[in-house]
N, C-alpha and C. Protein backbone atom coordinates (compact mmCIF):
# COMPACT_ATOMS: atom_id res chain seq x y z
N MET A 1 52.99 93.14 97.96
CA MET A 1 54.09 94.07 98.10
C MET A 1 54.92 94.05 96.83
N GLY A 2 55.90 94.94 96.78
CA GLY A 2 56.71 95.08 95.59
C GLY A 2 58.07 94.44 95.73
N ASP A 3 59.05 95.25 95.65
CA ASP A 3 60.45 94.82 95.68
C ASP A 3 60.82 94.31 97.08
N PRO A 4 61.28 93.05 97.17
CA PRO A 4 61.64 92.49 98.49
C PRO A 4 62.75 93.28 99.18
N LYS A 5 63.71 93.78 98.41
CA LYS A 5 64.80 94.55 99.00
C LYS A 5 64.27 95.85 99.60
N ALA A 6 63.39 96.52 98.88
CA ALA A 6 62.80 97.76 99.39
C ALA A 6 61.94 97.49 100.62
N ASP A 7 61.21 96.37 100.60
CA ASP A 7 60.39 95.99 101.75
C ASP A 7 61.25 95.75 102.99
N GLU A 8 62.39 95.07 102.80
CA GLU A 8 63.30 94.80 103.91
C GLU A 8 63.90 96.11 104.44
N GLN A 9 64.25 97.01 103.55
CA GLN A 9 64.80 98.30 103.98
C GLN A 9 63.77 99.10 104.76
N LEU A 10 62.53 99.06 104.32
CA LEU A 10 61.45 99.75 105.03
C LEU A 10 61.25 99.14 106.41
N LYS A 11 61.29 97.81 106.49
CA LYS A 11 61.16 97.13 107.79
C LYS A 11 62.29 97.54 108.72
N GLN A 12 63.52 97.58 108.20
CA GLN A 12 64.66 97.98 109.02
C GLN A 12 64.52 99.42 109.51
N LEU A 13 64.03 100.29 108.64
CA LEU A 13 63.81 101.69 109.04
C LEU A 13 62.75 101.78 110.14
N LYS A 14 61.68 101.02 110.00
CA LYS A 14 60.63 101.02 111.02
C LYS A 14 61.17 100.48 112.35
N ASP A 15 61.94 99.38 112.28
CA ASP A 15 62.53 98.81 113.49
C ASP A 15 63.46 99.81 114.17
N PHE A 16 64.26 100.51 113.37
CA PHE A 16 65.16 101.53 113.93
C PHE A 16 64.35 102.63 114.61
N ALA A 17 63.30 103.10 113.96
CA ALA A 17 62.48 104.17 114.52
C ALA A 17 61.82 103.73 115.83
N ILE A 18 61.35 102.49 115.87
CA ILE A 18 60.73 101.97 117.08
C ILE A 18 61.75 101.92 118.21
N ASN A 19 62.95 101.39 117.93
CA ASN A 19 63.99 101.32 118.96
C ASN A 19 64.43 102.70 119.41
N PHE A 20 64.56 103.63 118.49
CA PHE A 20 64.94 105.00 118.84
C PHE A 20 63.89 105.64 119.74
N ASN A 21 62.63 105.45 119.40
CA ASN A 21 61.55 106.02 120.22
C ASN A 21 61.51 105.40 121.61
N ARG A 22 61.73 104.08 121.69
CA ARG A 22 61.79 103.41 123.00
C ARG A 22 62.92 103.97 123.84
N LEU A 23 64.09 104.08 123.21
CA LEU A 23 65.26 104.61 123.91
C LEU A 23 64.99 106.03 124.40
N SER A 24 64.47 106.87 123.54
CA SER A 24 64.18 108.26 123.91
C SER A 24 63.19 108.34 125.06
N GLN A 25 62.12 107.58 124.97
CA GLN A 25 61.09 107.60 126.01
C GLN A 25 61.63 107.08 127.34
N TYR A 26 62.35 105.95 127.27
CA TYR A 26 62.89 105.35 128.49
C TYR A 26 63.86 106.31 129.19
N CYS A 27 64.83 106.85 128.44
CA CYS A 27 65.83 107.72 129.04
C CYS A 27 65.23 109.05 129.48
N PHE A 28 64.27 109.56 128.73
CA PHE A 28 63.60 110.80 129.13
C PHE A 28 62.90 110.60 130.48
N ASN A 29 62.14 109.53 130.58
CA ASN A 29 61.41 109.27 131.83
C ASN A 29 62.35 109.03 133.00
N ASP A 30 63.50 108.43 132.73
CA ASP A 30 64.45 108.09 133.78
C ASP A 30 65.31 109.27 134.21
N CYS A 31 65.59 110.20 133.30
CA CYS A 31 66.64 111.20 133.55
C CYS A 31 66.17 112.65 133.60
N ILE A 32 65.10 112.98 132.94
CA ILE A 32 64.70 114.38 132.84
C ILE A 32 63.62 114.66 133.87
N PHE A 33 63.92 115.61 134.76
CA PHE A 33 62.97 115.88 135.85
C PHE A 33 62.77 117.36 136.12
N ASP A 34 63.61 118.23 135.54
CA ASP A 34 63.48 119.67 135.78
C ASP A 34 62.98 120.35 134.51
N PHE A 35 61.71 120.77 134.54
CA PHE A 35 61.11 121.40 133.37
C PHE A 35 61.05 122.92 133.50
N THR A 36 61.82 123.48 134.43
CA THR A 36 61.80 124.93 134.62
C THR A 36 62.83 125.64 133.74
N LYS A 37 63.72 124.88 133.08
CA LYS A 37 64.75 125.47 132.23
C LYS A 37 64.68 124.86 130.83
N ARG A 38 65.21 125.61 129.87
CA ARG A 38 65.23 125.11 128.49
C ARG A 38 66.35 124.10 128.28
N GLU A 39 67.45 124.24 128.99
CA GLU A 39 68.61 123.34 128.83
C GLU A 39 68.58 122.25 129.88
N LEU A 40 69.25 121.16 129.53
CA LEU A 40 69.40 120.08 130.50
C LEU A 40 70.46 120.46 131.52
N SER A 41 70.27 120.03 132.74
CA SER A 41 71.31 120.22 133.74
C SER A 41 72.44 119.22 133.43
N ASP A 42 73.59 119.45 134.04
CA ASP A 42 74.71 118.52 133.84
C ASP A 42 74.32 117.11 134.30
N LYS A 43 73.60 117.05 135.41
CA LYS A 43 73.17 115.76 135.95
C LYS A 43 72.23 115.04 134.96
N GLU A 44 71.27 115.79 134.41
CA GLU A 44 70.35 115.20 133.44
C GLU A 44 71.08 114.74 132.18
N SER A 45 71.98 115.57 131.71
CA SER A 45 72.73 115.24 130.50
C SER A 45 73.59 114.00 130.70
N HIS A 46 74.26 113.94 131.83
CA HIS A 46 75.10 112.79 132.15
C HIS A 46 74.24 111.53 132.27
N CYS A 47 73.12 111.64 132.93
CA CYS A 47 72.20 110.52 133.09
C CYS A 47 71.71 110.03 131.72
N ALA A 48 71.31 110.95 130.86
CA ALA A 48 70.81 110.58 129.53
C ALA A 48 71.90 109.89 128.71
N ASP A 49 73.14 110.39 128.78
CA ASP A 49 74.25 109.75 128.06
C ASP A 49 74.47 108.34 128.57
N ASN A 50 74.52 108.18 129.88
CA ASN A 50 74.71 106.84 130.47
C ASN A 50 73.56 105.91 130.14
N CYS A 51 72.36 106.44 130.18
CA CYS A 51 71.17 105.65 129.88
C CYS A 51 71.23 105.13 128.45
N MET A 52 71.57 106.01 127.52
CA MET A 52 71.64 105.63 126.12
C MET A 52 72.72 104.55 125.92
N GLU A 53 73.86 104.74 126.54
CA GLU A 53 74.95 103.77 126.41
C GLU A 53 74.55 102.40 126.96
N ARG A 54 73.92 102.40 128.13
CA ARG A 54 73.47 101.13 128.73
C ARG A 54 72.42 100.44 127.85
N TYR A 55 71.49 101.22 127.33
CA TYR A 55 70.43 100.68 126.49
C TYR A 55 71.01 100.05 125.23
N LEU A 56 71.94 100.75 124.59
CA LEU A 56 72.54 100.23 123.36
C LEU A 56 73.37 98.98 123.62
N LYS A 57 74.12 98.97 124.72
CA LYS A 57 74.90 97.78 125.07
C LYS A 57 73.98 96.60 125.36
N MET A 58 72.89 96.85 126.07
CA MET A 58 71.94 95.80 126.37
C MET A 58 71.32 95.27 125.07
N ASN A 59 70.97 96.15 124.17
CA ASN A 59 70.37 95.76 122.90
C ASN A 59 71.35 94.91 122.09
N GLN A 60 72.62 95.30 122.07
CA GLN A 60 73.64 94.54 121.36
C GLN A 60 73.81 93.16 121.99
N ARG A 61 73.81 93.11 123.30
CA ARG A 61 73.98 91.83 124.00
C ARG A 61 72.81 90.90 123.73
N ILE A 62 71.61 91.43 123.75
CA ILE A 62 70.43 90.61 123.46
C ILE A 62 70.48 90.11 122.01
N SER A 63 70.87 90.97 121.09
CA SER A 63 70.98 90.56 119.68
C SER A 63 72.00 89.46 119.50
N LYS A 64 73.13 89.58 120.18
CA LYS A 64 74.17 88.57 120.08
C LYS A 64 73.68 87.24 120.63
N ARG A 65 73.03 87.27 121.78
CA ARG A 65 72.50 86.03 122.38
C ARG A 65 71.42 85.41 121.48
N PHE A 66 70.60 86.24 120.87
CA PHE A 66 69.57 85.74 119.95
C PHE A 66 70.24 85.02 118.77
N GLU A 67 71.29 85.62 118.22
CA GLU A 67 72.02 84.99 117.12
C GLU A 67 72.60 83.65 117.56
N GLU A 68 73.16 83.59 118.77
CA GLU A 68 73.72 82.34 119.28
C GLU A 68 72.65 81.27 119.41
N PHE A 69 71.49 81.63 119.94
CA PHE A 69 70.41 80.67 120.10
C PHE A 69 69.86 80.22 118.74
N GLN A 70 69.78 81.15 117.80
CA GLN A 70 69.33 80.80 116.45
C GLN A 70 70.29 79.80 115.82
N SER A 71 71.58 80.05 115.97
CA SER A 71 72.58 79.16 115.42
C SER A 71 72.47 77.77 116.04
N MET A 72 72.29 77.72 117.36
CA MET A 72 72.14 76.44 118.04
C MET A 72 70.87 75.72 117.58
N ALA A 73 69.79 76.46 117.39
CA ALA A 73 68.53 75.86 116.95
C ALA A 73 68.67 75.30 115.53
N ILE A 74 69.37 76.02 114.67
CA ILE A 74 69.59 75.54 113.30
C ILE A 74 70.43 74.27 113.31
N GLU A 75 71.49 74.26 114.11
CA GLU A 75 72.34 73.07 114.21
C GLU A 75 71.53 71.87 114.72
N LYS A 76 70.71 72.10 115.72
CA LYS A 76 69.89 71.03 116.29
C LYS A 76 68.89 70.50 115.25
N ALA A 77 68.28 71.42 114.51
CA ALA A 77 67.32 71.01 113.47
C ALA A 77 68.02 70.20 112.38
N GLN A 78 69.24 70.59 112.03
CA GLN A 78 70.00 69.84 111.03
C GLN A 78 70.36 68.45 111.54
N GLU A 79 70.73 68.36 112.82
CA GLU A 79 71.03 67.05 113.42
C GLU A 79 69.81 66.14 113.38
N ILE A 80 68.66 66.69 113.73
CA ILE A 80 67.42 65.91 113.72
C ILE A 80 67.08 65.47 112.30
N GLN A 81 67.25 66.37 111.36
CA GLN A 81 66.98 66.04 109.96
C GLN A 81 67.91 64.94 109.47
N ASN A 82 69.19 65.02 109.85
CA ASN A 82 70.15 63.99 109.46
C ASN A 82 69.79 62.64 110.06
N VAL A 83 69.36 62.63 111.31
CA VAL A 83 68.96 61.38 111.97
C VAL A 83 67.74 60.80 111.27
N ASN A 84 66.79 61.65 110.90
CA ASN A 84 65.58 61.17 110.22
C ASN A 84 65.88 60.65 108.82
N LEU A 85 66.85 61.24 108.16
CA LEU A 85 67.19 60.80 106.81
C LEU A 85 68.06 59.55 106.81
N ASN A 86 68.85 59.38 107.87
CA ASN A 86 69.77 58.25 107.97
C ASN A 86 69.55 57.48 109.28
N PRO A 87 68.39 56.83 109.42
CA PRO A 87 68.15 56.11 110.68
C PRO A 87 69.10 54.92 110.77
N SER A 88 69.56 54.67 111.98
CA SER A 88 70.52 53.56 112.19
C SER A 88 69.82 52.32 112.62
């Protein structure tokens, strides 16, 4: 590969696209049920808005918990390393 910064940006773009597609598919399947009209009904629109909001909140919550667990794992690994370097 080339530039690490460009590679990371491409990865972030791909991750965003994957999450957007998941969100779209999930909320479409959950909320859209009337294919006889071109526009969404108020019920479908409201459902899609709520679905998107719930999905994004859930994603943020999972990301936050992952960060917390990562931080705890790093602290634990540092403690183990310190014990191994300074045995009593």
